[in-house]
Amino acid sequence: MLNRKRRERHQASDDTSLIARGTVIRGDLCFRGALHLDGRVEGTIVAEGEDAMFTLSEHGQVDGEIRVPHAILNGHVTGDVWVTTRLELSAQARIDGNLRYHTLEMAAGAQINGSISREGDGGEAAAPHELPAPAETEEAVSA
């Protein structure tokens, strides 16, 4: 049942681009629809549109920033990752950079070497969860 839902999400976009294994792109990359990366990008990857999805295979590499609404990562990223809707980290995913996300699914084995923060619904950082300050008592404690 879970696999069926994933397949349905992948079919949502008619525009899919594939960067094949062995291909290296040097420069920023902007896309619509879906982008599947088996190769390497040295630059920033930016998605246009709220339904755009980026998939990084276990062979793929990104040396630069990623800014997308939905991402499935299973390769190596050296740079910051900003995902506004949903981020799925597979077992071989490795991120050497800071991570900001709204919803995160992380498999055992995935690695993040950097700070991790959850974004709120409006794109702002979610308020940190803090314990309330201890209540002050006016009673003197005698020893």
N, C-alpha and C. Protein backbone atom coordinates (compact mmCIF):
# COMPACT_ATOMS: atom_id res chain seq x y z
N MET A 1 0.82 -1.19 0.00
CA MET A 1 0.00 0.00 0.00
C MET A 1 0.86 1.26 0.00
N LEU A 2 1.93 1.26 0.79
CA LEU A 2 2.80 2.43 0.81
C LEU A 2 3.49 2.63 -0.52
N ASN A 3 3.93 1.53 -1.14
CA ASN A 3 4.60 1.65 -2.44
C ASN A 3 3.66 2.19 -3.50
N ARG A 4 2.38 1.84 -3.43
CA ARG A 4 1.42 2.34 -4.40
C ARG A 4 1.29 3.85 -4.28
N LYS A 5 1.25 4.36 -3.05
CA LYS A 5 1.15 5.81 -2.86
C LYS A 5 2.36 6.52 -3.43
N ARG A 6 3.54 5.95 -3.25
CA ARG A 6 4.75 6.57 -3.80
C ARG A 6 4.69 6.61 -5.32
N ARG A 7 4.24 5.52 -5.94
CA ARG A 7 4.13 5.50 -7.40
C ARG A 7 3.16 6.56 -7.88
N GLU A 8 2.05 6.73 -7.18
CA GLU A 8 1.06 7.73 -7.58
C GLU A 8 1.65 9.13 -7.48
N ARG A 9 2.47 9.40 -6.46
CA ARG A 9 3.10 10.71 -6.33
C ARG A 9 4.06 10.97 -7.48
N HIS A 10 4.81 9.94 -7.91
CA HIS A 10 5.76 10.10 -9.00
C HIS A 10 5.05 10.39 -10.32
N GLN A 11 3.85 9.89 -10.51
CA GLN A 11 3.13 10.06 -11.76
C GLN A 11 2.37 11.39 -11.81
N ALA A 12 2.42 12.18 -10.75
CA ALA A 12 1.68 13.43 -10.70
C ALA A 12 2.16 14.42 -11.75
N SER A 13 3.43 14.35 -12.11
CA SER A 13 3.99 15.30 -13.06
C SER A 13 4.24 14.62 -14.40
N ASP A 14 3.88 15.32 -15.48
CA ASP A 14 4.15 14.80 -16.82
C ASP A 14 5.54 15.16 -17.31
N ASP A 15 6.15 16.17 -16.70
CA ASP A 15 7.46 16.65 -17.12
C ASP A 15 8.54 16.07 -16.22
N THR A 16 9.26 15.06 -16.73
CA THR A 16 10.33 14.44 -15.97
C THR A 16 11.63 14.57 -16.75
N SER A 17 12.66 15.06 -16.06
CA SER A 17 13.99 15.18 -16.66
C SER A 17 14.90 14.18 -15.98
N LEU A 18 15.81 13.58 -16.74
CA LEU A 18 16.76 12.61 -16.22
C LEU A 18 18.17 13.07 -16.55
N ILE A 19 19.01 13.12 -15.54
CA ILE A 19 20.42 13.38 -15.76
C ILE A 19 21.12 12.06 -15.47
N ALA A 20 21.67 11.46 -16.52
CA ALA A 20 22.19 10.10 -16.46
C ALA A 20 23.51 10.01 -15.72
N ARG A 21 23.78 8.80 -15.26
CA ARG A 21 25.04 8.50 -14.58
C ARG A 21 26.19 8.80 -15.53
N GLY A 22 27.23 9.42 -15.00
CA GLY A 22 28.38 9.80 -15.82
C GLY A 22 28.29 11.21 -16.37
N THR A 23 27.13 11.84 -16.28
CA THR A 23 26.94 13.21 -16.74
C THR A 23 27.28 14.18 -15.62
N VAL A 24 28.05 15.23 -15.94
CA VAL A 24 28.41 16.26 -14.97
C VAL A 24 27.90 17.59 -15.49
N ILE A 25 27.13 18.29 -14.67
CA ILE A 25 26.65 19.62 -15.02
C ILE A 25 27.32 20.61 -14.09
N ARG A 26 28.01 21.60 -14.66
CA ARG A 26 28.66 22.64 -13.87
C ARG A 26 27.88 23.93 -14.09
N GLY A 27 27.17 24.36 -13.04
CA GLY A 27 26.34 25.54 -13.14
C GLY A 27 25.01 25.28 -12.45
N ASP A 28 24.24 26.34 -12.27
CA ASP A 28 22.95 26.23 -11.59
C ASP A 28 21.92 25.56 -12.49
N LEU A 29 21.00 24.86 -11.86
CA LEU A 29 20.00 24.11 -12.60
C LEU A 29 18.62 24.45 -12.04
N CYS A 30 17.72 24.89 -12.92
CA CYS A 30 16.35 25.23 -12.54
C CYS A 30 15.43 24.32 -13.33
N PHE A 31 14.44 23.70 -12.64
CA PHE A 31 13.57 22.76 -13.34
C PHE A 31 12.13 22.90 -12.87
N ARG A 32 11.23 22.36 -13.68
CA ARG A 32 9.80 22.22 -13.37
C ARG A 32 9.46 20.74 -13.45
N GLY A 33 8.39 20.34 -12.77
CA GLY A 33 7.99 18.93 -12.83
C GLY A 33 8.86 18.08 -11.94
N ALA A 34 9.48 17.07 -12.53
CA ALA A 34 10.32 16.14 -11.77
C ALA A 34 11.71 16.08 -12.38
N LEU A 35 12.70 15.95 -11.52
CA LEU A 35 14.08 15.79 -11.95
C LEU A 35 14.67 14.60 -11.23
N HIS A 36 15.22 13.65 -12.00
CA HIS A 36 15.88 12.48 -11.43
C HIS A 36 17.36 12.58 -11.79
N LEU A 37 18.21 12.58 -10.75
CA LEU A 37 19.65 12.77 -10.95
C LEU A 37 20.41 11.49 -10.61
N ASP A 38 21.02 10.91 -11.62
CA ASP A 38 21.94 9.78 -11.44
C ASP A 38 23.38 10.24 -11.60
N GLY A 39 23.57 11.42 -12.17
CA GLY A 39 24.89 11.98 -12.41
C GLY A 39 25.32 12.93 -11.31
N ARG A 40 25.98 14.02 -11.72
CA ARG A 40 26.54 14.97 -10.76
C ARG A 40 26.22 16.40 -11.20
N VAL A 41 25.81 17.22 -10.24
CA VAL A 41 25.59 18.64 -10.48
C VAL A 41 26.49 19.44 -9.55
N GLU A 42 27.27 20.35 -10.14
CA GLU A 42 28.12 21.26 -9.37
C GLU A 42 27.51 22.64 -9.49
N GLY A 43 26.58 22.94 -8.60
CA GLY A 43 25.86 24.21 -8.64
C GLY A 43 24.56 24.06 -7.86
N THR A 44 23.77 25.11 -7.89
CA THR A 44 22.51 25.14 -7.15
C THR A 44 21.40 24.49 -7.97
N ILE A 45 20.55 23.70 -7.29
CA ILE A 45 19.38 23.10 -7.93
C ILE A 45 18.15 23.77 -7.34
N VAL A 46 17.34 24.38 -8.20
CA VAL A 46 16.15 25.10 -7.76
C VAL A 46 14.95 24.60 -8.56
N ALA A 47 13.86 24.32 -7.85
CA ALA A 47 12.63 23.89 -8.50
C ALA A 47 11.68 25.06 -8.63
N GLU A 48 10.97 25.12 -9.75
CA GLU A 48 9.92 26.11 -9.96
C GLU A 48 8.59 25.38 -9.87
N GLY A 49 7.69 25.89 -9.06
CA GLY A 49 6.39 25.26 -8.91
C GLY A 49 6.30 24.46 -7.62
N GLU A 50 5.12 24.47 -7.04
CA GLU A 50 4.91 23.81 -5.76
C GLU A 50 4.82 22.29 -5.87
N ASP A 51 4.61 21.77 -7.09
CA ASP A 51 4.49 20.32 -7.26
C ASP A 51 5.77 19.69 -7.77
N ALA A 52 6.86 20.45 -7.86
CA ALA A 52 8.12 19.93 -8.37
C ALA A 52 8.73 18.93 -7.39
N MET A 53 9.39 17.92 -7.96
CA MET A 53 10.02 16.90 -7.13
C MET A 53 11.41 16.58 -7.67
N PHE A 54 12.35 16.47 -6.73
CA PHE A 54 13.73 16.15 -7.06
C PHE A 54 14.09 14.81 -6.45
N THR A 55 14.66 13.92 -7.28
CA THR A 55 15.10 12.60 -6.80
C THR A 55 16.59 12.47 -7.09
N LEU A 56 17.34 12.12 -6.04
CA LEU A 56 18.78 11.89 -6.15
C LEU A 56 19.04 10.42 -5.89
N SER A 57 19.51 9.70 -6.91
CA SER A 57 19.73 8.26 -6.75
C SER A 57 20.98 8.01 -5.92
N GLU A 58 21.21 6.73 -5.60
CA GLU A 58 22.39 6.37 -4.81
C GLU A 58 23.68 6.66 -5.55
N HIS A 59 23.63 6.83 -6.88
CA HIS A 59 24.81 7.15 -7.67
C HIS A 59 24.98 8.66 -7.85
N GLY A 60 23.94 9.43 -7.55
CA GLY A 60 23.96 10.87 -7.80
C GLY A 60 24.72 11.67 -6.75
N GLN A 61 25.22 12.84 -7.19
CA GLN A 61 25.95 13.75 -6.31
C GLN A 61 25.57 15.18 -6.63
N VAL A 62 25.46 15.99 -5.59
CA VAL A 62 25.24 17.42 -5.75
C VAL A 62 26.27 18.15 -4.91
N ASP A 63 27.03 19.03 -5.56
CA ASP A 63 27.95 19.93 -4.87
C ASP A 63 27.37 21.32 -4.98
N GLY A 64 26.47 21.66 -4.07
CA GLY A 64 25.80 22.95 -4.11
C GLY A 64 24.50 22.86 -3.33
N GLU A 65 23.78 23.95 -3.35
CA GLU A 65 22.54 24.06 -2.59
C GLU A 65 21.37 23.44 -3.36
N ILE A 66 20.41 22.88 -2.61
CA ILE A 66 19.18 22.33 -3.19
C ILE A 66 18.02 23.07 -2.56
N ARG A 67 17.11 23.62 -3.40
CA ARG A 67 15.89 24.31 -2.94
C ARG A 67 14.71 23.79 -3.73
N VAL A 68 13.95 22.87 -3.10
CA VAL A 68 12.84 22.22 -3.78
C VAL A 68 11.68 21.99 -2.81
N PRO A 69 10.45 21.81 -3.33
CA PRO A 69 9.34 21.50 -2.44
C PRO A 69 9.34 20.06 -1.94
N HIS A 70 9.72 19.11 -2.80
CA HIS A 70 9.70 17.69 -2.44
C HIS A 70 10.97 17.04 -2.95
N ALA A 71 11.64 16.30 -2.07
CA ALA A 71 12.88 15.65 -2.47
C ALA A 71 12.95 14.24 -1.90
N ILE A 72 13.52 13.34 -2.70
CA ILE A 72 13.85 12.00 -2.26
C ILE A 72 15.35 11.86 -2.51
N LEU A 73 16.12 11.75 -1.43
CA LEU A 73 17.57 11.73 -1.56
C LEU A 73 18.12 10.37 -1.13
N ASN A 74 19.00 9.83 -1.98
CA ASN A 74 19.68 8.59 -1.65
C ASN A 74 21.14 8.66 -2.05
N GLY A 75 21.63 9.83 -2.43
CA GLY A 75 23.02 10.02 -2.83
C GLY A 75 23.71 11.00 -1.90
N HIS A 76 24.78 11.62 -2.40
CA HIS A 76 25.61 12.51 -1.59
C HIS A 76 25.39 13.97 -1.98
N VAL A 77 25.10 14.79 -0.98
CA VAL A 77 24.92 16.22 -1.18
C VAL A 77 25.95 16.95 -0.32
N THR A 78 26.73 17.83 -0.95
CA THR A 78 27.65 18.70 -0.23
C THR A 78 27.11 20.11 -0.41
N GLY A 79 26.36 20.58 0.57
CA GLY A 79 25.72 21.89 0.50
C GLY A 79 24.42 21.87 1.29
N ASP A 80 23.82 23.02 1.42
CA ASP A 80 22.59 23.15 2.20
C ASP A 80 21.39 22.64 1.40
N VAL A 81 20.40 22.08 2.13
CA VAL A 81 19.20 21.53 1.52
C VAL A 81 17.99 22.22 2.16
N TRP A 82 17.12 22.80 1.33
CA TRP A 82 15.89 23.46 1.77
C TRP A 82 14.72 22.77 1.09
N VAL A 83 13.87 22.10 1.86
CA VAL A 83 12.73 21.39 1.30
C VAL A 83 11.48 21.93 1.97
N THR A 84 10.60 22.54 1.19
CA THR A 84 9.46 23.25 1.77
C THR A 84 8.26 22.36 2.08
N THR A 85 8.17 21.17 1.49
CA THR A 85 7.02 20.30 1.73
C THR A 85 7.44 19.00 2.37
N ARG A 86 8.12 18.14 1.64
CA ARG A 86 8.44 16.81 2.16
C ARG A 86 9.82 16.36 1.71
N LEU A 87 10.60 15.85 2.66
CA LEU A 87 11.92 15.31 2.39
C LEU A 87 11.97 13.85 2.81
N GLU A 88 12.41 12.99 1.90
CA GLU A 88 12.59 11.58 2.19
C GLU A 88 14.08 11.26 2.04
N LEU A 89 14.69 10.80 3.13
CA LEU A 89 16.10 10.41 3.10
C LEU A 89 16.16 8.89 3.12
N SER A 90 16.71 8.32 2.07
CA SER A 90 16.86 6.87 1.98
C SER A 90 18.13 6.44 2.69
N ALA A 91 18.34 5.14 2.78
CA ALA A 91 19.42 4.59 3.60
C ALA A 91 20.82 5.05 3.21
N GLN A 92 21.07 5.33 1.93
CA GLN A 92 22.40 5.72 1.50
C GLN A 92 22.57 7.23 1.37
N ALA A 93 21.59 7.99 1.81
CA ALA A 93 21.66 9.46 1.72
C ALA A 93 22.74 9.99 2.66
N ARG A 94 23.49 10.96 2.17
CA ARG A 94 24.50 11.63 2.98
C ARG A 94 24.46 13.12 2.64
N ILE A 95 24.20 13.94 3.66
CA ILE A 95 24.15 15.38 3.48
C ILE A 95 25.25 16.01 4.32
N ASP A 96 26.18 16.69 3.66
CA ASP A 96 27.22 17.45 4.34
C ASP A 96 26.86 18.92 4.18
N GLY A 97 25.98 19.38 5.06
CA GLY A 97 25.48 20.75 5.00
C GLY A 97 24.28 20.88 5.90
N ASN A 98 23.73 22.05 5.96
CA ASN A 98 22.57 22.30 6.81
C ASN A 98 21.30 21.86 6.11
N LEU A 99 20.32 21.46 6.91
CA LEU A 99 19.08 20.92 6.38
C LEU A 99 17.89 21.65 6.98
N ARG A 100 17.00 22.14 6.12
CA ARG A 100 15.73 22.72 6.55
C ARG A 100 14.63 21.99 5.82
N TYR A 101 13.59 21.60 6.56
CA TYR A 101 12.54 20.79 5.98
C TYR A 101 11.22 21.11 6.65
N HIS A 102 10.12 20.68 6.06
CA HIS A 102 8.81 20.79 6.70
C HIS A 102 8.39 19.44 7.25
N THR A 103 8.42 18.39 6.42
CA THR A 103 8.12 17.03 6.85
C THR A 103 9.30 16.15 6.44
N LEU A 104 9.74 15.30 7.36
CA LEU A 104 10.93 14.49 7.12
C LEU A 104 10.63 13.02 7.37
N GLU A 105 11.07 12.18 6.42
CA GLU A 105 11.06 10.73 6.58
C GLU A 105 12.49 10.28 6.37
N MET A 106 13.06 9.61 7.38
CA MET A 106 14.48 9.26 7.32
C MET A 106 14.68 7.79 7.60
N ALA A 107 15.35 7.10 6.68
CA ALA A 107 15.62 5.67 6.84
C ALA A 107 16.89 5.47 7.66
N ALA A 108 16.98 4.32 8.31
CA ALA A 108 18.19 3.97 9.05
C ALA A 108 19.37 3.95 8.09
N GLY A 109 20.46 4.55 8.49
CA GLY A 109 21.67 4.61 7.66
C GLY A 109 21.89 5.96 7.02
N ALA A 110 20.86 6.77 6.88
CA ALA A 110 21.02 8.11 6.30
C ALA A 110 21.86 8.97 7.24
N GLN A 111 22.68 9.86 6.68
CA GLN A 111 23.58 10.69 7.48
C GLN A 111 23.37 12.16 7.16
N ILE A 112 23.37 12.98 8.22
CA ILE A 112 23.32 14.43 8.06
C ILE A 112 24.45 15.01 8.89
N ASN A 113 25.38 15.69 8.25
CA ASN A 113 26.49 16.33 8.92
C ASN A 113 26.31 17.84 8.81
N GLY A 114 25.52 18.40 9.72
CA GLY A 114 25.19 19.82 9.71
C GLY A 114 24.01 20.05 10.62
N SER A 115 23.51 21.27 10.65
CA SER A 115 22.37 21.56 11.50
C SER A 115 21.08 21.15 10.80
N ILE A 116 20.09 20.78 11.62
CA ILE A 116 18.80 20.35 11.11
C ILE A 116 17.74 21.22 11.75
N SER A 117 16.85 21.80 10.95
CA SER A 117 15.76 22.59 11.52
C SER A 117 14.49 22.39 10.71
N ARG A 118 13.38 22.37 11.44
CA ARG A 118 12.08 22.20 10.81
C ARG A 118 11.50 23.56 10.50
N GLU A 119 10.94 23.70 9.32
CA GLU A 119 10.28 24.93 8.90
C GLU A 119 8.82 24.87 9.29
N GLY A 120 8.24 26.01 9.65
CA GLY A 120 6.81 26.08 9.95
C GLY A 120 6.01 26.06 8.66
N ASP A 121 4.69 26.15 8.80
CA ASP A 121 3.81 26.10 7.63
C ASP A 121 4.02 27.27 6.68
N GLY A 122 4.43 28.41 7.21
CA GLY A 122 4.63 29.59 6.37
C GLY A 122 6.05 29.73 5.86
N GLY A 123 6.91 28.71 6.07
CA GLY A 123 8.28 28.79 5.62
C GLY A 123 9.22 29.33 6.67
N GLU A 124 8.69 29.81 7.78
CA GLU A 124 9.55 30.33 8.83
C GLU A 124 9.98 29.18 9.72
N ALA A 125 11.09 29.35 10.41
CA ALA A 125 11.57 28.29 11.29
C ALA A 125 10.58 28.08 12.42
N ALA A 126 10.34 26.83 12.73
CA ALA A 126 9.41 26.50 13.81
C ALA A 126 10.00 26.96 15.14
N ALA A 127 9.14 27.38 16.04
CA ALA A 127 9.60 27.83 17.35
C ALA A 127 10.22 26.66 18.10
N PRO A 128 11.36 26.90 18.75
CA PRO A 128 11.99 25.81 19.48
C PRO A 128 11.14 25.40 20.67
N HIS A 129 11.19 24.13 20.98
CA HIS A 129 10.45 23.64 22.13
C HIS A 129 11.32 23.86 23.37
N GLU A 130 10.81 24.60 24.32
CA GLU A 130 11.56 24.88 25.54
C GLU A 130 10.73 24.49 26.74
N LEU A 131 11.40 24.08 27.78
CA LEU A 131 10.72 23.80 29.02
C LEU A 131 10.42 25.11 29.72
N PRO A 132 9.32 25.19 30.45
CA PRO A 132 9.02 26.42 31.17
C PRO A 132 10.04 26.64 32.28
N ALA A 133 10.27 27.92 32.59
CA ALA A 133 11.20 28.25 33.68
C ALA A 133 10.62 27.76 34.99
N PRO A 134 11.48 27.34 35.90
CA PRO A 134 10.96 26.89 37.19
C PRO A 134 10.28 28.03 37.94
N ALA A 135 9.18 27.71 38.60
CA ALA A 135 8.45 28.74 39.35
C ALA A 135 9.24 29.12 40.59
N GLU A 136 9.31 30.41 40.82
CA GLU A 136 10.03 30.88 42.00
C GLU A 136 9.12 30.79 43.21
N THR A 137 9.65 30.32 44.29
CA THR A 137 8.90 30.26 45.53
C THR A 137 9.44 31.28 46.49
N GLU A 138 8.55 31.87 47.27
CA GLU A 138 8.98 32.90 48.22
C GLU A 138 9.33 32.30 49.58
N GLU A 139 9.16 31.02 49.71
CA GLU A 139 9.49 30.40 50.98
C GLU A 139 10.99 30.26 51.12
N ALA A 140 11.46 30.60 52.28
CA ALA A 140 12.88 30.44 52.55
C ALA A 140 13.11 28.99 52.99
N VAL A 141 14.14 28.44 52.45
CA VAL A 141 14.46 27.07 52.79
C VAL A 141 15.52 27.12 53.88
N SER A 142 15.23 26.53 55.03
CA SER A 142 16.20 26.54 56.12
C SER A 142 17.02 25.26 56.05
N ALA A 143 18.26 25.42 56.40
CA ALA A 143 19.17 24.27 56.33
C ALA A 143 19.23 23.52 57.64
